[in-house]
Amino acid sequence: MRTLILLIFIVTISSCKPEIKVLTAQEIIDESIIASGADKVSAAAIEFNFRKRHYTAVRNKGKFSLIRITKSDTTETRDVLSNNGFERYRNDEFIIVPDSMSTRYSGSINSVHYFSVLPFGLNDGAVKKKLLKESIVKGKSYYKVEVSFSEDGGGEDFDDVFVYWINKKDFKIDYLAYSFHVNGGGKRFREATNERVINGIRFVDNNNFKAKNALTKLENLDKAFESSGLEKLSEINLENVQVELLD
């Protein structure tokens, strides 16, 4: 009798255990956007300096203007990527740019602005998300989400692939990796540093690495990072970041 009662008690307790919810890739990205304040980016004016150039991004109600300003002793070149396409001005005079160069400049400007406000943009219509196996980096547990893009709406570099390591505790992106095909192609791994929050939006700098072994798979660059299998190429530092919320 006692054995039966004990068995019933164990079964009852076991059935009362709360189920652990398994998050989808979409849910993880949604949480990361909120945790990083990236939901505020769609109605904000953001400025920063990067590698001797000044960048400004104004996004509001679906309209955007991504600007890069390059100065020399005698000229100021202002490149503008907006809903209207690409435009270049030199000392406030409109300059006609060939389509081939316009595409190149647009990609360069968009790339800097894209990385500056991640994970903003990861819910765009062309984005496809896939949940990979969780991993541990430097003793911390991470969700690992692969992001790719559909050709329709995915831009000039739609075939690039990204992997994001999202901290399971605070949902912030601590590491990311991506493969690219321009200029001979390759893979990169970035480690977030110097986190700061400005008007509710998280900004980071990054240490930028490449794999010593070019055959290392994109999703395994975290393992290469921990086993000294990466070579540091540069530091990606955003300076003098300023944010004005427009909503």
C-alpha atoms as a PDB file:
ATOM      1  CA  MET A   1       0.000   0.000   0.000  1.00  0.00           C
ATOM      2  CA  ARG A   2       2.779   2.417   0.955  1.00  0.00           C
ATOM      3  CA  THR A   3       4.531   1.603  -2.317  1.00  0.00           C
ATOM      4  CA  LEU A   4       1.362   2.410  -4.283  1.00  0.00           C
ATOM      5  CA  ILE A   5       0.871   5.712  -2.443  1.00  0.00           C
ATOM      6  CA  LEU A   6       4.517   6.658  -3.031  1.00  0.00           C
ATOM      7  CA  LEU A   7       4.196   5.812  -6.724  1.00  0.00           C
ATOM      8  CA  ILE A   8       1.048   7.941  -7.053  1.00  0.00           C
ATOM      9  CA  PHE A   9       2.828  10.811  -5.262  1.00  0.00           C
ATOM     10  CA  ILE A  10       5.836  10.637  -7.600  1.00  0.00           C
ATOM     11  CA  VAL A  11       3.632  10.551 -10.704  1.00  0.00           C
ATOM     12  CA  THR A  12       1.599  13.500  -9.410  1.00  0.00           C
ATOM     13  CA  ILE A  13       4.689  15.591  -8.668  1.00  0.00           C
ATOM     14  CA  SER A  14       6.207  14.749 -12.061  1.00  0.00           C
ATOM     15  CA  SER A  15       3.063  15.769 -13.896  1.00  0.00           C
ATOM     16  CA  CYS A  16       3.090  19.128 -12.093  1.00  0.00           C
ATOM     17  CA  LYS A  17       6.520  20.111 -13.369  1.00  0.00           C
ATOM     18  CA  PRO A  18       6.243  23.171 -15.617  1.00  0.00           C
ATOM     19  CA  GLU A  19       7.119  22.568 -19.244  1.00  0.00           C
ATOM     20  CA  ILE A  20      10.237  24.331 -20.470  1.00  0.00           C
ATOM     21  CA  LYS A  21       9.252  26.359 -23.514  1.00  0.00           C
ATOM     22  CA  VAL A  22      11.498  25.956 -26.509  1.00  0.00           C
ATOM     23  CA  LEU A  23      11.833  29.293 -28.260  1.00  0.00           C
ATOM     24  CA  THR A  24      11.740  29.566 -32.029  1.00  0.00           C
ATOM     25  CA  ALA A  25      14.313  31.540 -34.028  1.00  0.00           C
ATOM     26  CA  GLN A  26      11.688  34.239 -34.575  1.00  0.00           C
ATOM     27  CA  GLU A  27      10.932  34.529 -30.865  1.00  0.00           C
ATOM     28  CA  ILE A  28      14.628  34.766 -30.002  1.00  0.00           C
ATOM     29  CA  ILE A  29      15.157  37.579 -32.520  1.00  0.00           C
ATOM     30  CA  ASP A  30      12.068  39.385 -31.220  1.00  0.00           C
ATOM     31  CA  GLU A  31      13.421  39.188 -27.663  1.00  0.00           C
ATOM     32  CA  SER A  32      16.839  40.384 -28.807  1.00  0.00           C
ATOM     33  CA  ILE A  33      15.356  43.414 -30.558  1.00  0.00           C
ATOM     34  CA  ILE A  34      13.532  44.453 -27.386  1.00  0.00           C
ATOM     35  CA  ALA A  35      16.518  43.743 -25.102  1.00  0.00           C
ATOM     36  CA  SER A  36      18.800  45.885 -27.281  1.00  0.00           C
ATOM     37  CA  GLY A  37      16.339  48.745 -27.711  1.00  0.00           C
ATOM     38  CA  ALA A  38      16.499  48.171 -31.463  1.00  0.00           C
ATOM     39  CA  ASP A  39      12.735  48.636 -31.641  1.00  0.00           C
ATOM     40  CA  LYS A  40      13.432  52.353 -31.144  1.00  0.00           C
ATOM     41  CA  VAL A  41      15.693  52.615 -34.200  1.00  0.00           C
ATOM     42  CA  SER A  42      12.774  52.879 -36.647  1.00  0.00           C
ATOM     43  CA  ALA A  43      11.954  56.335 -35.253  1.00  0.00           C
ATOM     44  CA  ALA A  44      15.361  57.815 -34.480  1.00  0.00           C
ATOM     45  CA  ALA A  45      18.153  60.017 -35.781  1.00  0.00           C
ATOM     46  CA  ILE A  46      21.543  58.418 -35.105  1.00  0.00           C
ATOM     47  CA  GLU A  47      24.998  59.887 -35.732  1.00  0.00           C
ATOM     48  CA  PHE A  48      28.485  58.482 -35.249  1.00  0.00           C
ATOM     49  CA  ASN A  49      32.030  58.640 -36.572  1.00  0.00           C
ATOM     50  CA  PHE A  50      33.673  55.605 -38.119  1.00  0.00           C
ATOM     51  CA  ARG A  51      37.143  55.488 -39.676  1.00  0.00           C
ATOM     52  CA  LYS A  52      37.448  59.243 -40.290  1.00  0.00           C
ATOM     53  CA  ARG A  53      33.972  59.516 -41.798  1.00  0.00           C
ATOM     54  CA  HIS A  54      30.743  60.828 -40.307  1.00  0.00           C
ATOM     55  CA  TYR A  55      27.570  58.788 -40.589  1.00  0.00           C
ATOM     56  CA  THR A  56      23.977  59.865 -40.021  1.00  0.00           C
ATOM     57  CA  ALA A  57      20.847  57.723 -40.168  1.00  0.00           C
ATOM     58  CA  VAL A  58      17.339  59.127 -39.969  1.00  0.00           C
ATOM     59  CA  ARG A  59      14.488  56.624 -39.951  1.00  0.00           C
ATOM     60  CA  ASN A  60      10.867  57.585 -39.360  1.00  0.00           C
ATOM     61  CA  LYS A  61       7.514  56.156 -40.463  1.00  0.00           C
ATOM     62  CA  GLY A  62       9.042  53.946 -43.115  1.00  0.00           C
ATOM     63  CA  LYS A  63      11.205  56.667 -44.601  1.00  0.00           C
ATOM     64  CA  PHE A  64      14.979  56.487 -44.228  1.00  0.00           C
ATOM     65  CA  SER A  65      18.052  58.488 -45.097  1.00  0.00           C
ATOM     66  CA  LEU A  66      21.484  56.907 -44.579  1.00  0.00           C
ATOM     67  CA  ILE A  67      24.294  59.423 -45.005  1.00  0.00           C
ATOM     68  CA  ARG A  68      28.079  59.191 -45.179  1.00  0.00           C
ATOM     69  CA  ILE A  69      30.191  62.349 -45.146  1.00  0.00           C
ATOM     70  CA  THR A  70      33.825  62.312 -46.232  1.00  0.00           C
ATOM     71  CA  LYS A  71      35.920  65.449 -45.789  1.00  0.00           C
ATOM     72  CA  SER A  72      39.266  66.524 -47.204  1.00  0.00           C
ATOM     73  CA  ASP A  73      41.066  69.871 -47.061  1.00  0.00           C
ATOM     74  CA  THR A  74      39.019  71.312 -49.924  1.00  0.00           C
ATOM     75  CA  THR A  75      35.947  69.135 -50.396  1.00  0.00           C
ATOM     76  CA  GLU A  76      33.065  67.551 -48.531  1.00  0.00           C
ATOM     77  CA  THR A  77      31.454  64.548 -50.217  1.00  0.00           C
ATOM     78  CA  ARG A  78      28.003  63.611 -48.970  1.00  0.00           C
ATOM     79  CA  ASP A  79      26.643  60.236 -50.055  1.00  0.00           C
ATOM     80  CA  VAL A  80      22.945  59.699 -49.398  1.00  0.00           C
ATOM     81  CA  LEU A  81      21.057  56.393 -49.576  1.00  0.00           C
ATOM     82  CA  SER A  82      17.297  56.823 -49.104  1.00  0.00           C
ATOM     83  CA  ASN A  83      13.915  55.629 -50.316  1.00  0.00           C
ATOM     84  CA  ASN A  84      14.748  57.558 -53.498  1.00  0.00           C
ATOM     85  CA  GLY A  85      17.946  55.607 -54.160  1.00  0.00           C
ATOM     86  CA  PHE A  86      21.564  56.817 -54.090  1.00  0.00           C
ATOM     87  CA  GLU A  87      22.709  60.412 -54.517  1.00  0.00           C
ATOM     88  CA  ARG A  88      26.122  62.051 -54.220  1.00  0.00           C
ATOM     89  CA  TYR A  89      26.899  65.685 -53.484  1.00  0.00           C
ATOM     90  CA  ARG A  90      30.306  67.342 -53.517  1.00  0.00           C
ATOM     91  CA  ASN A  91      30.391  70.688 -51.714  1.00  0.00           C
ATOM     92  CA  ASP A  92      26.562  70.644 -51.973  1.00  0.00           C
ATOM     93  CA  GLU A  93      26.685  70.181 -55.763  1.00  0.00           C
ATOM     94  CA  PHE A  94      24.873  67.124 -57.132  1.00  0.00           C
ATOM     95  CA  ILE A  95      27.250  64.678 -58.834  1.00  0.00           C
ATOM     96  CA  ILE A  96      26.148  62.093 -61.412  1.00  0.00           C
ATOM     97  CA  VAL A  97      27.500  58.654 -60.481  1.00  0.00           C
ATOM     98  CA  PRO A  98      27.528  55.653 -62.905  1.00  0.00           C
ATOM     99  CA  ASP A  99      25.137  52.864 -61.928  1.00  0.00           C
ATOM    100  CA  SER A 100      27.983  50.421 -61.260  1.00  0.00           C
ATOM    101  CA  MET A 101      29.607  52.769 -58.754  1.00  0.00           C
ATOM    102  CA  SER A 102      26.239  53.789 -57.289  1.00  0.00           C
ATOM    103  CA  THR A 103      25.574  50.144 -56.408  1.00  0.00           C
ATOM    104  CA  ARG A 104      29.004  49.831 -54.837  1.00  0.00           C
ATOM    105  CA  TYR A 105      28.655  53.001 -52.754  1.00  0.00           C
ATOM    106  CA  SER A 106      25.128  52.059 -51.678  1.00  0.00           C
ATOM    107  CA  GLY A 107      26.310  48.668 -50.440  1.00  0.00           C
ATOM    108  CA  SER A 108      29.182  50.195 -48.483  1.00  0.00           C
ATOM    109  CA  ILE A 109      26.971  52.794 -46.782  1.00  0.00           C
ATOM    110  CA  ASN A 110      24.220  50.322 -46.016  1.00  0.00           C
ATOM    111  CA  SER A 111      26.691  47.845 -44.523  1.00  0.00           C
ATOM    112  CA  VAL A 112      28.069  50.300 -41.950  1.00  0.00           C
ATOM    113  CA  HIS A 113      24.609  51.469 -40.916  1.00  0.00           C
ATOM    114  CA  TYR A 114      23.276  47.885 -40.864  1.00  0.00           C
ATOM    115  CA  PHE A 115      25.908  46.618 -38.454  1.00  0.00           C
ATOM    116  CA  SER A 116      25.697  49.726 -36.245  1.00  0.00           C
ATOM    117  CA  VAL A 117      22.143  49.055 -35.038  1.00  0.00           C
ATOM    118  CA  LEU A 118      21.821  45.266 -34.988  1.00  0.00           C
ATOM    119  CA  PRO A 119      19.530  43.444 -34.331  1.00  0.00           C
ATOM    120  CA  PHE A 120      17.391  46.109 -36.004  1.00  0.00           C
ATOM    121  CA  GLY A 121      16.604  44.920 -39.518  1.00  0.00           C
ATOM    122  CA  LEU A 122      16.429  41.220 -38.673  1.00  0.00           C
ATOM    123  CA  ASN A 123      12.647  41.250 -39.053  1.00  0.00           C
ATOM    124  CA  ASP A 124      12.678  42.704 -42.553  1.00  0.00           C
ATOM    125  CA  GLY A 125      10.527  40.850 -45.064  1.00  0.00           C
ATOM    126  CA  ALA A 126      13.439  39.268 -46.960  1.00  0.00           C
ATOM    127  CA  VAL A 127      15.038  37.797 -43.818  1.00  0.00           C
ATOM    128  CA  LYS A 128      14.908  34.032 -43.276  1.00  0.00           C
ATOM    129  CA  LYS A 129      15.764  32.667 -39.808  1.00  0.00           C
ATOM    130  CA  LYS A 130      16.893  29.210 -38.761  1.00  0.00           C
ATOM    131  CA  LEU A 131      17.623  27.993 -35.231  1.00  0.00           C
ATOM    132  CA  LEU A 132      20.939  26.162 -34.927  1.00  0.00           C
ATOM    133  CA  LYS A 133      22.261  24.057 -32.064  1.00  0.00           C
ATOM    134  CA  GLU A 134      22.913  26.056 -28.879  1.00  0.00           C
ATOM    135  CA  SER A 135      26.518  26.643 -27.891  1.00  0.00           C
ATOM    136  CA  ILE A 136      28.694  27.745 -24.987  1.00  0.00           C
ATOM    137  CA  VAL A 137      31.293  30.471 -25.512  1.00  0.00           C
ATOM    138  CA  LYS A 138      33.561  31.584 -22.675  1.00  0.00           C
ATOM    139  CA  GLY A 139      31.343  29.772 -20.198  1.00  0.00           C
ATOM    140  CA  LYS A 140      28.098  31.470 -21.304  1.00  0.00           C
ATOM    141  CA  SER A 141      25.165  29.785 -23.034  1.00  0.00           C
ATOM    142  CA  TYR A 142      23.985  31.085 -26.379  1.00  0.00           C
ATOM    143  CA  TYR A 143      21.140  30.638 -28.795  1.00  0.00           C
ATOM    144  CA  LYS A 144      22.554  30.406 -32.287  1.00  0.00           C
ATOM    145  CA  VAL A 145      20.405  31.796 -35.109  1.00  0.00           C
ATOM    146  CA  GLU A 146      21.276  31.630 -38.791  1.00  0.00           C
ATOM    147  CA  VAL A 147      19.989  34.441 -40.993  1.00  0.00           C
ATOM    148  CA  SER A 148      19.819  34.326 -44.778  1.00  0.00           C
ATOM    149  CA  PHE A 149      17.910  36.386 -47.328  1.00  0.00           C
ATOM    150  CA  SER A 150      15.506  35.774 -50.160  1.00  0.00           C
ATOM    151  CA  GLU A 151      16.590  37.063 -53.548  1.00  0.00           C
ATOM    152  CA  ASP A 152      13.440  39.165 -53.799  1.00  0.00           C
ATOM    153  CA  GLY A 153      14.081  42.131 -51.503  1.00  0.00           C
ATOM    154  CA  GLY A 154      17.360  40.775 -50.156  1.00  0.00           C
ATOM    155  CA  GLY A 155      19.504  43.383 -51.841  1.00  0.00           C
ATOM    156  CA  GLU A 156      22.665  43.067 -53.909  1.00  0.00           C
ATOM    157  CA  ASP A 157      24.270  40.696 -51.378  1.00  0.00           C
ATOM    158  CA  PHE A 158      21.212  38.505 -50.779  1.00  0.00           C
ATOM    159  CA  ASP A 159      23.377  35.355 -50.826  1.00  0.00           C
ATOM    160  CA  ASP A 160      25.346  36.417 -47.725  1.00  0.00           C
ATOM    161  CA  VAL A 161      24.675  34.304 -44.617  1.00  0.00           C
ATOM    162  CA  PHE A 162      24.887  35.432 -40.990  1.00  0.00           C
ATOM    163  CA  VAL A 163      25.011  33.601 -37.666  1.00  0.00           C
ATOM    164  CA  TYR A 164      24.162  35.383 -34.408  1.00  0.00           C
ATOM    165  CA  TRP A 165      25.158  34.205 -30.933  1.00  0.00           C
ATOM    166  CA  ILE A 166      22.428  35.545 -28.628  1.00  0.00           C
ATOM    167  CA  ASN A 167      22.999  35.342 -24.874  1.00  0.00           C
ATOM    168  CA  LYS A 168      20.358  33.092 -23.300  1.00  0.00           C
ATOM    169  CA  LYS A 169      20.122  35.276 -20.183  1.00  0.00           C
ATOM    170  CA  ASP A 170      19.814  38.801 -21.573  1.00  0.00           C
ATOM    171  CA  PHE A 171      19.120  38.131 -25.289  1.00  0.00           C
ATOM    172  CA  LYS A 172      21.903  40.444 -26.433  1.00  0.00           C
ATOM    173  CA  ILE A 173      24.110  39.629 -29.417  1.00  0.00           C
ATOM    174  CA  ASP A 174      27.633  39.029 -28.138  1.00  0.00           C
ATOM    175  CA  TYR A 175      29.053  37.449 -31.293  1.00  0.00           C
ATOM    176  CA  LEU A 176      28.179  37.268 -34.961  1.00  0.00           C
ATOM    177  CA  ALA A 177      29.666  35.689 -38.052  1.00  0.00           C
ATOM    178  CA  TYR A 178      28.952  36.106 -41.729  1.00  0.00           C
ATOM    179  CA  SER A 179      30.019  34.819 -45.112  1.00  0.00           C
ATOM    180  CA  PHE A 180      30.294  37.138 -48.094  1.00  0.00           C
ATOM    181  CA  HIS A 181      31.047  36.839 -51.802  1.00  0.00           C
ATOM    182  CA  VAL A 182      32.316  40.262 -52.903  1.00  0.00           C
ATOM    183  CA  ASN A 183      36.061  40.865 -53.360  1.00  0.00           C
ATOM    184  CA  GLY A 184      36.848  37.181 -53.485  1.00  0.00           C
ATOM    185  CA  GLY A 185      34.546  36.250 -50.610  1.00  0.00           C
ATOM    186  CA  GLY A 186      35.315  34.956 -47.149  1.00  0.00           C
ATOM    187  CA  LYS A 187      34.046  34.635 -43.592  1.00  0.00           C
ATOM    188  CA  ARG A 188      34.275  36.958 -40.602  1.00  0.00           C
ATOM    189  CA  PHE A 189      33.626  36.593 -36.871  1.00  0.00           C
ATOM    190  CA  ARG A 190      32.934  39.572 -34.618  1.00  0.00           C
ATOM    191  CA  GLU A 191      33.159  39.878 -30.852  1.00  0.00           C
ATOM    192  CA  ALA A 192      31.099  42.669 -29.260  1.00  0.00           C
ATOM    193  CA  THR A 193      33.025  45.052 -26.984  1.00  0.00           C
ATOM    194  CA  ASN A 194      32.477  48.385 -25.236  1.00  0.00           C
ATOM    195  CA  GLU A 195      28.724  48.066 -24.786  1.00  0.00           C
ATOM    196  CA  ARG A 196      26.880  51.309 -24.040  1.00  0.00           C
ATOM    197  CA  VAL A 197      23.220  52.317 -24.082  1.00  0.00           C
ATOM    198  CA  ILE A 198      22.303  55.719 -25.516  1.00  0.00           C
ATOM    199  CA  ASN A 199      18.686  56.877 -25.256  1.00  0.00           C
ATOM    200  CA  GLY A 200      17.638  53.275 -24.730  1.00  0.00           C
ATOM    201  CA  ILE A 201      19.497  51.832 -27.737  1.00  0.00           C
ATOM    202  CA  ARG A 202      22.451  49.467 -27.295  1.00  0.00           C
ATOM    203  CA  PHE A 203      25.634  50.139 -29.253  1.00  0.00           C
ATOM    204  CA  VAL A 204      28.810  48.052 -29.328  1.00  0.00           C
ATOM    205  CA  ASP A 205      32.223  48.080 -30.907  1.00  0.00           C
ATOM    206  CA  ASN A 206      33.623  44.861 -32.360  1.00  0.00           C
ATOM    207  CA  ASN A 207      36.826  42.904 -32.664  1.00  0.00           C
ATOM    208  CA  ASN A 208      36.895  41.581 -36.227  1.00  0.00           C
ATOM    209  CA  PHE A 209      38.423  38.149 -36.979  1.00  0.00           C
ATOM    210  CA  LYS A 210      38.872  35.701 -39.823  1.00  0.00           C
ATOM    211  CA  ALA A 211      39.512  31.962 -39.573  1.00  0.00           C
ATOM    212  CA  LYS A 212      43.076  30.754 -39.937  1.00  0.00           C
ATOM    213  CA  ASN A 213      41.600  27.733 -41.716  1.00  0.00           C
ATOM    214  CA  ALA A 214      39.433  28.968 -44.589  1.00  0.00           C
ATOM    215  CA  LEU A 215      37.515  25.663 -44.572  1.00  0.00           C
ATOM    216  CA  THR A 216      36.067  26.299 -41.087  1.00  0.00           C
ATOM    217  CA  LYS A 217      32.289  26.299 -41.312  1.00  0.00           C
ATOM    218  CA  LEU A 218      30.509  29.542 -40.496  1.00  0.00           C
ATOM    219  CA  GLU A 219      28.547  28.075 -37.587  1.00  0.00           C
ATOM    220  CA  ASN A 220      31.767  26.663 -36.088  1.00  0.00           C
ATOM    221  CA  LEU A 221      33.671  29.941 -35.904  1.00  0.00           C
ATOM    222  CA  ASP A 222      32.780  30.170 -32.206  1.00  0.00           C
ATOM    223  CA  LYS A 223      34.755  26.980 -31.593  1.00  0.00           C
ATOM    224  CA  ALA A 224      37.665  28.358 -33.608  1.00  0.00           C
ATOM    225  CA  PHE A 225      37.459  31.563 -31.542  1.00  0.00           C
ATOM    226  CA  GLU A 226      37.888  29.622 -28.297  1.00  0.00           C
ATOM    227  CA  SER A 227      40.669  27.434 -29.654  1.00  0.00           C
ATOM    228  CA  SER A 228      42.773  30.313 -31.035  1.00  0.00           C
ATOM    229  CA  GLY A 229      41.765  29.373 -34.561  1.00  0.00           C
ATOM    230  CA  LEU A 230      40.995  32.960 -35.565  1.00  0.00           C
ATOM    231  CA  GLU A 231      43.204  35.844 -36.635  1.00  0.00           C
ATOM    232  CA  LYS A 232      42.278  39.351 -35.526  1.00  0.00           C
ATOM    233  CA  LEU A 233      42.054  41.701 -38.505  1.00  0.00           C
ATOM    234  CA  SER A 234      40.790  44.959 -37.072  1.00  0.00           C
ATOM    235  CA  GLU A 235      38.682  46.785 -34.535  1.00  0.00           C
ATOM    236  CA  ILE A 236      35.351  48.258 -35.558  1.00  0.00           C
ATOM    237  CA  ASN A 237      34.721  51.219 -33.277  1.00  0.00           C
ATOM    238  CA  LEU A 238      31.806  53.647 -33.442  1.00  0.00           C
ATOM    239  CA  GLU A 239      32.825  57.003 -31.983  1.00  0.00           C
ATOM    240  CA  ASN A 240      30.803  59.940 -30.676  1.00  0.00           C
ATOM    241  CA  VAL A 241      27.463  58.147 -31.010  1.00  0.00           C
ATOM    242  CA  GLN A 242      24.459  60.437 -30.654  1.00  0.00           C
ATOM    243  CA  VAL A 243      20.789  59.470 -30.660  1.00  0.00           C
ATOM    244  CA  GLU A 244      17.618  61.523 -30.949  1.00  0.00           C
ATOM    245  CA  LEU A 245      14.336  59.649 -30.619  1.00  0.00           C
ATOM    246  CA  LEU A 246      11.728  60.978 -33.014  1.00  0.00           C
ATOM    247  CA  ASP A 247       8.599  59.223 -31.766  1.00  0.00           C
END
